[in-house]
Amino acid sequence: MMGPAHSLSGAAAWLGVGAAAAALDHPMPWPVLVIGALICAGAALAPDLDHKAATISRAFGPFSRGLCEVVDKLSYAVYKATKKPGDKRRTGGHRTLTHTWLWAVLIGGGTSALAMTGGRWAVLAILFVHLVLAVEGLLWRAARVSSDVLVWLLGATSAWILAGVLDKPGSGADWLFTGPGQEYLWLGLPVVLGALVHDVGDALTVSGCPILWPIPIGNKRWYAVGPPKGMRFRAGSWVELKVLMPAFMLLGGVGGAAALNFI
C-alpha cells in the first residue's frame, strides 16, 4: 500500500485498541489515545525504510536517505544469508527484513527500552520522529508542498507539547505499566502495532509480504503471505483509494468514539 493508507490504517488500529481497552475496563486516558494513534500512524510507514522512494526515506533529508541505504543493504544481506531454494532471486532488500514480525517486535522493544531508560529527551525524540512521519502520512498533500523544515518544526513543537501533557499526573505516562521507572514503557506498543499493520496491508497487494520470517513454509523461508491472488490489488489502485482508505477513516472514527465512551 501507499503511505497515506498505511498511516490511516495505523491510526485506526490504535483507536481500535483503545476501544478494546475501554471494553475491558482499562480505558486509555485521552492523551494516550491521541499520542498512540499518531505514533502508530508514523510507525506504519517505518518498514519502508528499505526503499529509497518511500516517504520515510525522504522525511528527514540526508539522514533518512543514508539510513535507507544501510537498511536496504542489511536487509539484502540477511535475505541472501537465510533464503532457501524456493525463494526467488533479488537485487535489493525491499520487503524483506523490515517487513517481518520479528523486526516489528525488535523495533517496538527497542522503543520501549529507550523510553524507559532515556528519560524525557528520549521520549521527545520518539515523539518527534513519529509525529513527523504521521504528518507526512496523514497530511501528505500538505507535507509535499511545504518545506521539510516546516514539517520538522511542527513535529518538534507537537512533541514538546504532547510530552508535557503526558507528564501531568493522570494523563497516561504510566498507563498499563505502573511500576517504578516504567512510566513510558507502553510507547513501544503502537510502534509494534504500526509495523505489523503495515505488513498486513502489504500482504493484501499483489506482491504479498514475508511477515512470518524466519519461520520456513515449504521450500521457502521468505514466503510472501497474502490472500488468494484474485483478491489482491496493486498499490495505489482504486481499491486502496476508494475502498480501504474510507474504511480506515470510518473504523478509526468508530474506534475513537468507543474508546472515549461516546458510543
Protein backbone atom coordinates (compact mmCIF):
# COMPACT_ATOMS: atom_id res chain seq x y z
CA MET A 1 0.00 0.00 0.00
CA MET A 2 0.94 3.66 -0.30
CA GLY A 3 1.99 5.87 2.61
CA PRO A 4 -1.35 7.60 3.33
CA ALA A 5 -3.20 4.28 3.50
CA HIS A 6 -0.53 2.81 5.78
CA SER A 7 -0.77 5.78 8.16
CA LEU A 8 -4.56 5.73 8.22
CA SER A 9 -4.57 2.01 8.95
CA GLY A 10 -2.08 2.52 11.77
CA ALA A 11 -4.13 5.27 13.42
CA ALA A 12 -7.33 3.23 13.03
CA ALA A 13 -5.66 0.18 14.57
CA TRP A 14 -4.59 2.06 17.71
CA LEU A 15 -8.03 3.64 18.08
CA GLY A 16 -9.43 0.12 17.85
CA VAL A 17 -7.07 -0.95 20.64
CA GLY A 18 -8.39 1.98 22.65
CA ALA A 19 -11.96 0.76 22.13
CA ALA A 20 -10.95 -2.75 23.23
CA ALA A 21 -9.19 -1.35 26.32
CA ALA A 22 -12.33 0.59 27.26
CA ALA A 23 -14.44 -2.53 26.82
CA LEU A 24 -12.07 -4.39 29.17
CA ASP A 25 -12.44 -1.66 31.86
CA HIS A 26 -8.92 -0.35 31.38
CA PRO A 27 -9.63 2.78 29.32
CA MET A 28 -6.86 4.90 27.87
CA PRO A 29 -6.60 8.50 29.06
CA TRP A 30 -7.24 10.72 26.05
CA PRO A 31 -3.55 11.72 25.69
CA VAL A 32 -2.59 8.04 25.38
CA LEU A 33 -5.30 7.51 22.77
CA VAL A 34 -4.26 10.54 20.70
CA ILE A 35 -0.49 10.15 21.06
CA GLY A 36 -0.67 6.40 20.49
CA ALA A 37 -2.71 6.91 17.31
CA LEU A 38 -0.16 9.42 15.99
CA ILE A 39 2.80 7.18 16.87
CA CYS A 40 1.08 4.21 15.25
CA ALA A 41 0.34 6.27 12.13
CA GLY A 42 4.01 7.19 11.90
CA ALA A 43 5.29 3.72 12.73
CA ALA A 44 3.10 2.30 9.96
CA LEU A 45 5.46 3.98 7.48
CA ALA A 46 8.67 2.73 9.09
CA PRO A 47 9.05 -0.71 7.44
CA ASP A 48 9.55 1.02 4.07
CA LEU A 49 12.88 2.39 5.28
CA ASP A 50 14.33 -0.25 2.96
CA HIS A 51 13.05 1.62 -0.13
CA LYS A 52 14.68 4.84 -1.31
CA ALA A 53 11.45 6.23 -2.81
CA ALA A 54 9.38 5.70 0.34
CA THR A 55 8.02 8.55 2.46
CA ILE A 56 10.16 7.68 5.46
CA SER A 57 13.34 7.60 3.37
CA ARG A 58 12.97 11.27 2.42
CA ALA A 59 11.25 12.51 5.61
CA PHE A 60 14.47 13.51 7.41
CA GLY A 61 16.62 14.59 4.50
CA PRO A 62 20.17 13.23 4.10
CA PHE A 63 19.96 11.36 7.42
CA SER A 64 16.98 9.20 6.44
CA ARG A 65 18.30 8.70 2.90
CA GLY A 66 21.61 7.45 4.28
CA LEU A 67 19.86 5.24 6.80
CA CYS A 68 17.72 3.85 4.00
CA GLU A 69 20.81 2.71 2.10
CA VAL A 70 22.17 0.99 5.21
CA VAL A 71 18.86 -0.76 5.95
CA ASP A 72 18.46 -1.84 2.33
CA LYS A 73 21.94 -3.38 2.27
CA LEU A 74 21.42 -5.04 5.67
CA SER A 75 18.06 -6.46 4.58
CA TYR A 76 19.51 -7.79 1.35
CA ALA A 77 22.43 -9.40 3.20
CA VAL A 78 20.06 -11.11 5.63
CA TYR A 79 17.91 -12.29 2.73
CA LYS A 80 20.86 -13.85 0.91
CA ALA A 81 22.19 -15.46 4.07
CA THR A 82 18.88 -17.08 5.07
CA LYS A 83 16.99 -17.80 1.83
CA LYS A 84 16.00 -21.34 0.89
CA PRO A 85 15.93 -22.93 -2.60
CA GLY A 86 12.33 -21.85 -3.22
CA ASP A 87 12.97 -18.16 -2.51
CA LYS A 88 13.37 -16.04 -5.62
CA ARG A 89 16.50 -14.13 -6.59
CA ARG A 90 16.54 -10.47 -5.60
CA THR A 91 18.66 -7.40 -6.28
CA GLY A 92 17.64 -5.41 -3.21
CA GLY A 93 16.24 -5.70 0.29
CA HIS A 94 12.80 -4.11 -0.09
CA ARG A 95 10.00 -6.08 1.56
CA THR A 96 12.31 -8.46 3.36
CA LEU A 97 13.74 -7.99 6.86
CA THR A 98 11.82 -4.83 7.84
CA HIS A 99 8.53 -6.42 6.76
CA THR A 100 8.58 -9.25 9.31
CA TRP A 101 7.01 -9.80 12.71
CA LEU A 102 10.46 -10.18 14.25
CA TRP A 103 11.57 -6.75 13.06
CA ALA A 104 8.35 -5.21 14.43
CA VAL A 105 8.92 -6.75 17.85
CA LEU A 106 12.58 -5.72 17.95
CA ILE A 107 11.84 -2.13 16.97
CA GLY A 108 8.97 -1.89 19.44
CA GLY A 109 11.06 -3.40 22.22
CA GLY A 110 13.90 -1.01 21.46
CA THR A 111 11.49 1.92 21.60
CA SER A 112 10.16 0.83 25.00
CA ALA A 113 13.68 0.35 26.35
CA LEU A 114 14.76 3.76 25.09
CA ALA A 115 11.69 5.47 26.53
CA MET A 116 12.12 3.78 29.90
CA THR A 117 15.85 4.41 30.28
CA GLY A 118 16.48 7.58 28.30
CA GLY A 119 14.31 10.00 30.22
CA ARG A 120 12.44 12.97 28.84
CA TRP A 121 14.77 13.61 25.90
CA ALA A 122 14.35 10.04 24.68
CA VAL A 123 10.57 10.40 24.87
CA LEU A 124 10.80 13.67 22.95
CA ALA A 125 12.92 12.02 20.26
CA ILE A 126 10.46 9.13 19.88
CA LEU A 127 7.54 11.53 19.63
CA PHE A 128 9.34 13.82 17.19
CA VAL A 129 10.26 11.05 14.74
CA HIS A 130 6.82 9.51 14.71
CA LEU A 131 4.92 12.80 14.62
CA VAL A 132 6.93 13.93 11.58
CA LEU A 133 6.09 10.62 9.91
CA ALA A 134 2.42 10.95 10.91
CA VAL A 135 2.28 14.40 9.30
CA GLU A 136 3.94 13.02 6.16
CA GLY A 137 1.47 10.15 6.02
CA LEU A 138 -1.83 11.65 7.17
CA LEU A 139 -1.33 15.12 5.69
CA TRP A 140 0.72 14.00 2.71
CA ARG A 141 -0.68 16.56 0.24
CA ALA A 142 0.16 19.49 2.52
CA ALA A 143 3.50 17.97 3.53
CA ARG A 144 4.64 17.55 -0.07
CA VAL A 145 4.08 21.20 -0.99
CA SER A 146 5.64 22.56 2.20
CA SER A 147 9.27 22.71 3.26
CA ASP A 148 10.82 19.85 5.22
CA VAL A 149 11.89 22.35 7.86
CA LEU A 150 8.28 23.38 8.47
CA VAL A 151 7.24 19.74 8.91
CA TRP A 152 10.14 19.19 11.33
CA LEU A 153 9.19 22.31 13.31
CA LEU A 154 5.59 21.10 13.51
CA GLY A 155 6.80 17.69 14.69
CA ALA A 156 9.15 19.18 17.28
CA THR A 157 6.56 21.62 18.63
CA SER A 158 3.88 18.93 18.82
CA ALA A 159 6.29 16.52 20.52
CA TRP A 160 7.18 19.12 23.16
CA ILE A 161 3.53 19.94 23.88
CA LEU A 162 2.34 16.33 23.98
CA ALA A 163 5.25 15.21 26.18
CA GLY A 164 4.29 17.96 28.60
CA VAL A 165 0.70 16.73 28.61
CA LEU A 166 1.79 13.16 29.31
CA ASP A 167 3.95 14.31 32.22
CA LYS A 168 0.92 15.65 34.08
CA PRO A 169 -0.50 13.34 36.78
CA GLY A 170 -3.24 11.10 35.44
CA SER A 171 -2.53 11.89 31.79
CA GLY A 172 -1.24 8.44 30.95
CA ALA A 173 2.55 8.30 31.26
CA ASP A 174 2.05 5.24 33.46
CA TRP A 175 -0.89 3.79 31.54
CA LEU A 176 -0.75 -0.02 31.52
CA PHE A 177 2.66 -0.27 33.20
CA THR A 178 2.66 1.25 36.68
CA GLY A 179 5.89 0.01 38.26
CA PRO A 180 8.67 2.41 39.24
CA GLY A 181 10.58 3.59 36.15
CA GLN A 182 8.03 2.05 33.76
CA GLU A 183 6.13 5.26 33.02
CA TYR A 184 6.69 5.27 29.24
CA LEU A 185 7.09 1.55 28.64
CA TRP A 186 3.83 1.47 26.64
CA LEU A 187 5.29 3.70 23.88
CA GLY A 188 6.67 0.61 22.16
CA LEU A 189 3.19 -0.89 21.69
CA PRO A 190 1.96 1.49 18.97
CA VAL A 191 5.34 1.06 17.24
CA VAL A 192 4.91 -2.72 17.09
CA LEU A 193 1.28 -2.37 16.02
CA GLY A 194 2.09 0.16 13.31
CA ALA A 195 4.77 -2.07 11.79
CA LEU A 196 2.51 -5.13 11.85
CA VAL A 197 -0.40 -3.22 10.31
CA HIS A 198 1.95 -2.09 7.55
CA ASP A 199 2.92 -5.70 6.88
CA VAL A 200 -0.70 -6.84 6.78
CA GLY A 201 -1.52 -4.03 4.35
CA ASP A 202 1.33 -5.04 2.07
CA ALA A 203 0.23 -8.67 2.28
CA LEU A 204 -3.03 -7.64 0.58
CA THR A 205 -1.18 -6.39 -2.50
CA VAL A 206 -0.04 -8.43 -5.48
CA SER A 207 3.46 -9.00 -4.08
CA GLY A 208 2.42 -10.26 -0.65
CA CYS A 209 4.63 -9.83 2.42
CA PRO A 210 7.03 -12.21 4.24
CA ILE A 211 5.53 -11.45 7.66
CA LEU A 212 6.33 -14.88 9.12
CA TRP A 213 10.10 -14.88 8.53
CA PRO A 214 12.22 -16.66 9.76
CA ILE A 215 9.60 -19.44 10.01
CA PRO A 216 10.01 -21.61 6.88
CA ILE A 217 6.99 -22.61 4.78
CA GLY A 218 7.69 -25.44 2.37
CA ASN A 219 10.91 -24.75 0.50
CA LYS A 220 10.75 -21.01 1.23
CA ARG A 221 11.89 -19.01 4.23
CA TRP A 222 10.69 -15.70 2.77
CA TYR A 223 7.17 -16.88 1.94
CA ALA A 224 5.01 -13.97 0.74
CA VAL A 225 1.89 -14.20 2.88
CA GLY A 226 -1.34 -12.94 1.32
CA PRO A 227 -4.90 -13.80 0.33
CA PRO A 228 -5.68 -15.71 -2.90
CA LYS A 229 -4.24 -13.82 -5.88
CA GLY A 230 -7.68 -12.90 -7.18
CA MET A 231 -8.33 -10.92 -4.00
CA ARG A 232 -5.12 -8.88 -4.11
CA PHE A 233 -4.72 -5.37 -5.53
CA ARG A 234 -1.95 -3.12 -6.77
CA ALA A 235 -0.60 -0.38 -4.51
CA GLY A 236 -2.29 2.92 -5.31
CA SER A 237 -5.20 1.25 -7.13
CA TRP A 238 -8.84 2.28 -6.78
CA VAL A 239 -9.36 -0.45 -4.18
CA GLU A 240 -6.89 1.25 -1.88
CA LEU A 241 -8.05 4.80 -2.59
CA LYS A 242 -11.82 4.33 -2.86
CA VAL A 243 -12.47 1.40 -0.54
CA LEU A 244 -9.73 0.85 2.04
CA MET A 245 -8.88 4.45 2.94
CA PRO A 246 -12.53 5.45 3.59
CA ALA A 247 -12.96 2.21 5.56
CA PHE A 248 -9.93 3.05 7.72
CA MET A 249 -11.32 6.51 8.43
CA LEU A 250 -14.72 5.09 9.37
CA LEU A 251 -13.27 2.37 11.58
CA GLY A 252 -10.92 4.85 13.23
CA GLY A 253 -13.79 7.21 14.00
CA VAL A 254 -15.90 4.43 15.49
CA GLY A 255 -12.94 3.11 17.48
CA GLY A 256 -12.08 6.55 18.84
CA ALA A 257 -15.69 7.23 19.84
CA ALA A 258 -15.90 3.88 21.61
CA ALA A 259 -12.57 4.44 23.35
CA LEU A 260 -13.84 7.75 24.73
CA ASN A 261 -17.21 6.20 25.73
CA PHE A 262 -19.19 8.30 23.26
CA ILE A 263 -20.86 5.17 21.92
